[in-house]
Amino acid sequence: MKLFDVYPINNIAIEKAMGSYVWDNEGKKYLDMYGGHAVISIGHTHPHYVARLQEQLNKIAFYSNSIEIPIQKELAKKLGKISGKEDYQLFLCNSGAEANENALKLASFYNRRKKIVAFTKAFHGRTSLAVAATDNPNIVAAVNQTDNVTFLPFNDEVTLANHFEHYGNDISSVIIEGIQGVGGIREASKSFLQLIRSLCTKYNAIYIADSVQCGYGRTGQFFSHDYAGVQADIYSMAKGMGNGFPIGGILIAPHIQPKHFMLGTTFGGNHLACAAALAVLEIIEKENLLINAKNIGDYLLNKLKQFSQIKELRGKGLMIGIEMKEEFAHVKKDLLQKHNIFTGEAKPNTIRLLPALNITKIEADLFLESFATTLK
């Protein structure tokens, strides 16, 4: 049997990792400025994280949600404290797509409506509703196509207000990334998020803050939507939540009431996943990683502003998009092949930086020096 070929991959086999570095099977060392697609939030194989998982594994790794699982309540309490959403409710699942899927479904349960507003260049996942709300026809199968999702221009307040004026009473939810990841590190403006909040309140629609990639402290605030000073009705989470262990979830505002069996999951919130998520939050809190994400992010952005070869610089904290001029399309490839630095990308020509939240200034400088060399 062979693997189903769905990813273009680099011919590199990573065998070991520590902090912001990984090593391949030939012993070559790489700087990880990609974090496995924003997943590695506290660095690879953090000692506390490893110990937390080992300790839990020696007790119990899994049992279903048919029993009391005290570590779920422990996670909810810690997450509420660090995120500042202590009055919200937590539903645990396994991935970002599943988190957004449940968020969209829960919104429809709440107001019994069908229509969803999403935005150009949005990416919300690959499951049924999540992919229908993703602005990429190439990954939407015929069975996923629906007339219930409308895509509006990102950051266009006039069009959004007009759409609500005409269809507001039919709209179930608005789903938006605080900073678009796959879309090229494009930040939703504060006024746009504030308008979404006011329109959703006026028409009893649900504001879903997709925080799968731009959440969990990556921007210096726990959720990137927090910069707008708004409270969403539902926050979806995943990538950095478990530092590589599969876990996702949604935070649900108190006015959305649960009913038995409206949502469900087999693996979501299992003992081992909760231990991983608790370890992440404990390290974020103890090591002040939200502050570090802001400080190192600001440092990188300020240094990158000095390069004239950059067409546009976007992002916040440790979620940075470097759109290169066309003649520098080789830079991402050179960073990996000539300087052993992993970065992400967004088509057609944007380098994405998504490093661990505990990256140091030394590692930031190593990236900057290599970046400068590739431009020469």
Protein backbone atom coordinates (compact mmCIF):
# COMPACT_ATOMS: atom_id res chain seq x y z
CA MET A 1 0.00 0.00 0.00
CA LYS A 2 1.19 3.54 -0.74
CA LEU A 3 0.15 6.88 0.71
CA PHE A 4 -2.63 8.84 -0.99
CA ASP A 5 -0.68 11.63 -2.68
CA VAL A 6 -2.35 14.91 -1.66
CA TYR A 7 0.60 17.05 -0.48
CA PRO A 8 3.60 18.42 -2.36
CA ILE A 9 6.38 17.70 0.13
CA ASN A 10 10.01 18.63 0.73
CA ASN A 11 12.40 15.69 0.56
CA ILE A 12 13.34 16.07 4.23
CA ALA A 13 12.67 13.52 6.97
CA ILE A 14 12.70 15.14 10.42
CA GLU A 15 13.68 12.81 13.24
CA LYS A 16 14.34 15.08 16.22
CA ALA A 17 13.18 18.47 17.48
CA MET A 18 13.87 20.82 20.38
CA GLY A 19 12.66 24.37 20.93
CA SER A 20 12.73 26.21 17.60
CA TYR A 21 15.01 23.69 15.88
CA VAL A 22 14.53 20.37 14.10
CA TRP A 23 17.04 17.80 12.80
CA ASP A 24 16.66 15.51 9.79
CA ASN A 25 17.70 11.87 9.48
CA GLU A 26 21.16 12.94 8.31
CA GLY A 27 21.71 15.10 11.39
CA LYS A 28 21.23 18.42 9.58
CA LYS A 29 19.85 21.18 11.82
CA TYR A 30 17.06 23.53 10.71
CA LEU A 31 15.54 26.67 12.23
CA ASP A 32 11.76 26.27 12.38
CA MET A 33 10.04 29.56 11.57
CA TYR A 34 6.94 27.68 10.42
CA GLY A 35 5.97 25.73 13.53
CA GLY A 36 4.39 22.95 11.51
CA HIS A 37 1.80 25.44 10.23
CA ALA A 38 1.40 27.45 13.46
CA VAL A 39 0.90 24.30 15.52
CA ILE A 40 4.07 24.44 17.63
CA SER A 41 3.15 27.12 20.16
CA ILE A 42 5.55 26.37 23.04
CA GLY A 43 8.49 24.93 21.12
CA HIS A 44 9.23 21.34 20.18
CA THR A 45 9.49 18.75 22.98
CA HIS A 46 9.25 21.30 25.80
CA PRO A 47 10.28 19.41 28.99
CA HIS A 48 7.12 20.33 30.91
CA TYR A 49 4.94 19.32 27.97
CA VAL A 50 6.69 15.96 27.60
CA ALA A 51 6.47 15.27 31.34
CA ARG A 52 2.77 16.20 31.43
CA LEU A 53 1.98 13.77 28.62
CA GLN A 54 4.10 10.97 30.09
CA GLU A 55 2.46 11.38 33.48
CA GLN A 56 -1.03 11.26 31.97
CA LEU A 57 -0.17 8.34 29.70
CA ASN A 58 0.86 6.32 32.74
CA LYS A 59 -2.58 6.95 34.30
CA ILE A 60 -5.17 6.83 31.50
CA ALA A 61 -5.00 8.05 27.90
CA PHE A 62 -8.62 7.76 26.84
CA TYR A 63 -12.15 7.08 27.87
CA SER A 64 -15.33 8.32 26.25
CA ASN A 65 -17.40 11.34 27.27
CA SER A 66 -19.92 9.06 28.93
CA ILE A 67 -18.08 9.51 32.24
CA GLU A 68 -16.77 12.36 34.38
CA ILE A 69 -13.41 13.58 33.03
CA PRO A 70 -12.10 16.04 35.67
CA ILE A 71 -9.15 17.15 33.52
CA GLN A 72 -11.64 18.66 31.05
CA LYS A 73 -12.94 20.95 33.80
CA GLU A 74 -9.37 21.78 34.82
CA LEU A 75 -8.61 22.75 31.22
CA ALA A 76 -11.78 24.86 30.93
CA LYS A 77 -10.90 26.77 34.11
CA LYS A 78 -7.32 27.49 33.00
CA LEU A 79 -8.38 28.42 29.47
CA GLY A 80 -11.06 30.78 30.76
CA LYS A 81 -8.56 32.51 33.03
CA ILE A 82 -5.80 32.99 30.44
CA SER A 83 -8.11 33.92 27.57
CA GLY A 84 -10.18 36.30 29.69
CA LYS A 85 -13.39 34.45 28.73
CA GLU A 86 -14.23 32.93 32.11
CA ASP A 87 -18.00 33.17 31.61
CA TYR A 88 -17.88 31.24 28.31
CA GLN A 89 -18.50 27.49 27.88
CA LEU A 90 -16.07 25.01 26.32
CA PHE A 91 -16.78 22.24 23.83
CA LEU A 92 -13.77 20.08 22.99
CA CYS A 93 -13.11 18.35 19.68
CA ASN A 94 -10.07 17.31 17.62
CA SER A 95 -9.21 19.83 14.90
CA GLY A 96 -9.79 23.31 13.54
CA ALA A 97 -12.13 22.12 10.81
CA GLU A 98 -14.19 20.26 13.40
CA ALA A 99 -14.22 23.34 15.64
CA ASN A 100 -15.56 25.54 12.83
CA GLU A 101 -18.00 22.84 11.75
CA ASN A 102 -19.49 22.71 15.25
CA ALA A 103 -19.49 26.50 15.55
CA LEU A 104 -21.50 26.92 12.36
CA LYS A 105 -23.90 24.15 13.33
CA LEU A 106 -24.34 25.51 16.85
CA ALA A 107 -25.18 28.95 15.45
CA SER A 108 -27.91 27.38 13.34
CA PHE A 109 -29.26 25.48 16.34
CA TYR A 110 -29.38 28.77 18.25
CA ASN A 111 -31.35 30.93 15.80
CA ARG A 112 -32.79 28.22 13.50
CA ARG A 113 -31.43 29.95 10.38
CA LYS A 114 -29.39 28.66 7.43
CA LYS A 115 -27.48 31.54 5.88
CA ILE A 116 -23.76 32.04 6.57
CA VAL A 117 -21.60 35.05 5.73
CA ALA A 118 -17.94 34.36 4.97
CA PHE A 119 -15.30 36.45 3.20
CA THR A 120 -13.01 36.41 0.20
CA LYS A 121 -9.78 34.40 0.69
CA ALA A 122 -11.22 32.77 3.82
CA PHE A 123 -10.03 29.33 4.92
CA HIS A 124 -12.03 27.55 7.62
CA GLY A 125 -11.27 23.86 7.07
CA ARG A 126 -12.01 20.86 4.88
CA THR A 127 -15.11 19.30 6.45
CA SER A 128 -18.60 19.81 5.01
CA LEU A 129 -19.72 23.23 6.29
CA ALA A 130 -16.21 24.50 7.00
CA VAL A 131 -15.08 23.90 3.43
CA ALA A 132 -18.30 25.38 2.06
CA ALA A 133 -17.33 28.57 3.90
CA THR A 134 -13.79 28.41 2.48
CA ASP A 135 -13.09 30.59 -0.54
CA ASN A 136 -11.27 28.00 -2.66
CA PRO A 137 -13.38 26.15 -5.26
CA ASN A 138 -10.52 23.69 -5.85
CA ILE A 139 -11.09 21.99 -2.49
CA VAL A 140 -14.90 22.16 -2.42
CA ALA A 141 -16.40 18.91 -3.69
CA ALA A 142 -19.79 18.91 -5.41
CA VAL A 143 -21.39 17.37 -2.34
CA ASN A 144 -20.16 20.31 -0.22
CA GLN A 145 -21.57 23.05 -2.45
CA THR A 146 -24.44 25.02 -0.95
CA ASP A 147 -26.37 28.22 -1.54
CA ASN A 148 -26.35 28.90 2.19
CA VAL A 149 -22.90 30.55 2.18
CA THR A 150 -22.34 34.04 0.79
CA PHE A 151 -18.81 35.38 0.31
CA LEU A 152 -18.43 39.13 0.80
CA PRO A 153 -15.31 41.26 0.21
CA PHE A 154 -12.93 41.16 3.18
CA ASN A 155 -12.86 44.45 5.14
CA ASP A 156 -15.61 46.02 3.00
CA GLU A 157 -17.90 47.63 5.58
CA VAL A 158 -20.38 49.14 3.10
CA THR A 159 -21.08 45.80 1.39
CA LEU A 160 -21.42 44.01 4.73
CA ALA A 161 -23.88 46.58 6.07
CA ASN A 162 -25.94 46.47 2.85
CA HIS A 163 -26.04 42.67 2.93
CA PHE A 164 -27.38 42.68 6.48
CA GLU A 165 -29.91 45.36 5.60
CA HIS A 166 -31.36 43.11 2.88
CA TYR A 167 -30.89 39.65 4.40
CA GLY A 168 -30.17 40.17 8.09
CA ASN A 169 -33.16 38.22 9.39
CA ASP A 170 -32.03 35.14 7.44
CA ILE A 171 -28.38 35.22 8.51
CA SER A 172 -27.41 32.56 11.03
CA SER A 173 -23.73 33.45 11.46
CA VAL A 174 -20.76 35.45 10.28
CA ILE A 175 -17.44 33.59 10.36
CA ILE A 176 -14.16 35.46 10.06
CA GLU A 177 -10.48 34.97 10.80
CA GLY A 178 -9.01 37.85 12.79
CA ILE A 179 -5.99 37.49 10.52
CA GLN A 180 -6.37 35.35 7.42
CA GLY A 181 -3.67 32.68 7.30
CA VAL A 182 -3.98 30.80 4.00
CA GLY A 183 -5.35 34.05 2.54
CA GLY A 184 -1.93 35.66 2.96
CA ILE A 185 -1.76 37.08 6.52
CA ARG A 186 -4.44 39.69 5.92
CA GLU A 187 -5.73 41.41 9.04
CA ALA A 188 -9.37 42.23 9.60
CA SER A 189 -9.61 45.91 10.55
CA LYS A 190 -10.83 46.84 14.00
CA SER A 191 -13.76 48.77 12.57
CA PHE A 192 -14.75 45.80 10.39
CA LEU A 193 -14.83 43.43 13.37
CA GLN A 194 -16.74 46.02 15.41
CA LEU A 195 -19.29 46.32 12.61
CA ILE A 196 -19.71 42.54 12.51
CA ARG A 197 -20.35 42.59 16.26
CA SER A 198 -22.96 45.34 16.06
CA LEU A 199 -24.78 43.80 13.08
CA CYS A 200 -24.84 40.33 14.64
CA THR A 201 -26.25 41.82 17.84
CA LYS A 202 -28.90 43.80 15.95
CA TYR A 203 -30.08 40.83 13.87
CA ASN A 204 -29.52 38.05 16.45
CA ALA A 205 -26.87 36.40 14.26
CA ILE A 206 -23.83 34.62 15.70
CA TYR A 207 -20.35 36.13 15.36
CA ILE A 208 -17.87 33.26 14.96
CA ALA A 209 -14.25 34.28 15.52
CA ASP A 210 -12.15 31.71 13.68
CA SER A 211 -9.03 31.69 15.86
CA VAL A 212 -7.62 28.37 14.70
CA GLN A 213 -4.42 29.91 13.35
CA CYS A 214 -4.52 33.49 14.64
CA GLY A 215 -5.48 32.58 18.20
CA TYR A 216 -3.84 31.07 21.25
CA GLY A 217 -1.53 34.03 21.85
CA ARG A 218 0.06 34.12 18.41
CA THR A 219 -0.58 37.84 17.92
CA GLY A 220 0.25 38.94 21.47
CA GLN A 221 -3.40 38.90 22.53
CA PHE A 222 -4.97 35.53 23.27
CA PHE A 223 -7.37 35.96 20.33
CA SER A 224 -6.47 38.32 17.48
CA HIS A 225 -10.09 39.54 17.53
CA ASP A 226 -9.37 40.98 21.00
CA TYR A 227 -7.50 43.87 19.36
CA ALA A 228 -10.84 45.21 18.14
CA GLY A 229 -12.25 45.30 21.67
CA VAL A 230 -15.19 43.03 20.77
CA GLN A 231 -16.60 39.83 22.22
CA ALA A 232 -17.48 37.15 19.67
CA ASP A 233 -20.27 34.67 20.37
CA ILE A 234 -18.11 31.66 19.49
CA TYR A 235 -14.31 31.34 19.24
CA SER A 236 -12.87 28.34 17.39
CA MET A 237 -9.44 27.01 18.36
CA ALA A 238 -7.04 24.23 17.43
CA LYS A 239 -3.53 24.52 15.99
CA GLY A 240 -1.46 25.87 18.89
CA MET A 241 -3.81 24.41 21.46
CA GLY A 242 -2.02 21.07 21.85
CA ASN A 243 1.46 21.86 20.49
CA GLY A 244 1.10 18.99 18.03
CA PHE A 245 -1.27 16.73 19.91
CA PRO A 246 -4.63 16.81 18.07
CA ILE A 247 -7.14 18.91 20.00
CA GLY A 248 -9.59 21.63 19.07
CA GLY A 249 -12.46 23.42 20.69
CA ILE A 250 -14.97 26.23 20.69
CA LEU A 251 -15.60 28.80 23.37
CA ILE A 252 -19.33 29.53 23.53
CA ALA A 253 -20.92 32.68 24.97
CA PRO A 254 -23.26 32.16 27.95
CA HIS A 255 -26.42 33.17 26.08
CA ILE A 256 -26.11 30.09 23.83
CA GLN A 257 -27.63 27.30 25.86
CA PRO A 258 -26.69 23.62 25.42
CA LYS A 259 -29.02 20.66 24.98
CA HIS A 260 -28.05 17.04 25.30
CA PHE A 261 -26.82 15.47 22.05
CA MET A 262 -26.85 18.70 19.99
CA LEU A 263 -23.05 18.32 19.68
CA GLY A 264 -20.92 15.25 20.21
CA THR A 265 -17.49 13.69 19.78
CA THR A 266 -15.77 10.39 20.47
CA PHE A 267 -12.16 11.48 20.84
CA GLY A 268 -12.66 15.15 21.70
CA GLY A 269 -11.52 16.11 25.19
CA ASN A 270 -9.82 12.81 25.94
CA HIS A 271 -7.49 12.63 28.93
CA LEU A 272 -4.26 12.78 26.94
CA ALA A 273 -5.40 15.66 24.72
CA CYS A 274 -6.45 17.68 27.77
CA ALA A 275 -3.07 17.04 29.41
CA ALA A 276 -1.33 18.38 26.30
CA ALA A 277 -3.57 21.46 26.22
CA LEU A 278 -3.06 22.13 29.93
CA ALA A 279 0.70 21.88 29.51
CA VAL A 280 0.54 24.48 26.72
CA LEU A 281 -1.48 26.92 28.85
CA GLU A 282 0.76 26.39 31.88
CA ILE A 283 3.84 27.21 29.79
CA ILE A 284 2.17 30.21 28.12
CA GLU A 285 1.35 31.56 31.58
CA LYS A 286 4.62 30.73 33.34
CA GLU A 287 6.91 31.95 30.54
CA ASN A 288 4.81 35.04 29.62
CA LEU A 289 4.60 33.91 26.00
CA LEU A 290 1.92 36.40 24.97
CA ILE A 291 4.32 39.20 25.85
CA ASN A 292 7.17 37.42 24.08
CA ALA A 293 5.04 36.93 20.96
CA LYS A 294 4.33 40.65 20.83
CA ASN A 295 7.90 41.73 21.56
CA ILE A 296 9.67 39.40 19.14
CA GLY A 297 6.95 39.98 16.57
CA ASP A 298 7.40 43.74 16.80
CA TYR A 299 11.17 43.28 16.54
CA LEU A 300 10.86 41.17 13.37
CA LEU A 301 8.36 43.53 11.76
CA ASN A 302 10.50 46.60 12.48
CA LYS A 303 13.60 44.94 11.04
CA LEU A 304 11.76 43.62 7.98
CA LYS A 305 10.46 47.10 7.17
CA GLN A 306 14.03 48.03 6.20
CA PHE A 307 14.08 45.68 3.18
CA SER A 308 13.09 47.43 -0.04
CA GLN A 309 12.69 44.07 -1.78
CA ILE A 310 9.50 43.43 0.21
CA LYS A 311 6.36 44.45 -1.65
CA GLU A 312 4.13 44.45 1.45
CA LEU A 313 4.56 43.46 5.08
CA ARG A 314 1.51 42.27 7.00
CA GLY A 315 0.56 40.71 10.31
CA LYS A 316 0.84 41.07 14.04
CA GLY A 317 2.91 39.36 16.72
CA LEU A 318 4.31 36.06 15.47
CA MET A 319 1.93 35.81 12.53
CA ILE A 320 3.79 37.66 9.78
CA GLY A 321 3.30 37.75 6.02
CA ILE A 322 6.17 38.93 3.82
CA GLU A 323 4.91 39.54 0.28
CA MET A 324 7.95 39.60 -1.98
CA LYS A 325 8.36 41.41 -5.27
CA GLU A 326 8.16 39.00 -8.21
CA GLU A 327 11.88 38.96 -8.88
CA PHE A 328 12.44 37.59 -5.35
CA ALA A 329 10.13 34.60 -5.68
CA HIS A 330 13.14 32.35 -4.98
CA VAL A 331 13.62 33.55 -1.40
CA LYS A 332 11.43 30.99 0.40
CA LYS A 333 13.07 28.12 -1.47
CA ASP A 334 16.56 29.50 -0.79
CA LEU A 335 15.83 29.92 2.91
CA LEU A 336 15.15 26.20 3.16
CA GLN A 337 17.68 24.77 0.71
CA LYS A 338 20.62 27.13 1.36
CA HIS A 339 20.04 28.31 4.95
CA ASN A 340 18.10 25.42 6.53
CA ILE A 341 15.15 27.58 7.60
CA PHE A 342 11.55 26.40 7.38
CA THR A 343 8.92 29.04 6.55
CA GLY A 344 5.36 28.85 5.27
CA GLU A 345 3.85 30.41 2.19
CA ALA A 346 0.66 31.85 0.76
CA LYS A 347 0.22 31.96 -3.00
CA PRO A 348 1.41 33.58 -5.08
CA ASN A 349 4.46 35.07 -3.37
CA THR A 350 4.01 35.55 0.38
CA ILE A 351 6.33 34.04 2.98
CA ARG A 352 4.53 33.20 6.21
CA LEU A 353 6.34 33.30 9.56
CA LEU A 354 4.58 31.23 12.25
CA PRO A 355 7.29 30.30 14.78
CA ALA A 356 6.86 29.05 18.32
CA LEU A 357 5.71 31.71 20.78
CA ASN A 358 8.90 31.26 22.82
CA ILE A 359 11.25 32.05 19.95
CA THR A 360 14.20 34.16 21.10
CA LYS A 361 15.81 37.29 19.65
CA ILE A 362 18.86 35.15 18.77
CA GLU A 363 16.70 32.99 16.53
CA ALA A 364 14.92 36.01 15.08
CA ASP A 365 18.31 37.50 14.17
CA LEU A 366 19.43 34.23 12.59
CA PHE A 367 16.39 34.37 10.33
CA LEU A 368 16.95 38.04 9.49
CA GLU A 369 20.61 37.47 8.60
CA SER A 370 19.73 34.57 6.33
CA PHE A 371 16.85 36.50 4.77
CA ALA A 372 19.21 39.39 3.97
CA THR A 373 21.73 37.01 2.41
CA THR A 374 19.13 35.49 0.08
CA LEU A 375 18.25 38.95 -1.19
CA LYS A 376 21.86 39.62 -2.18
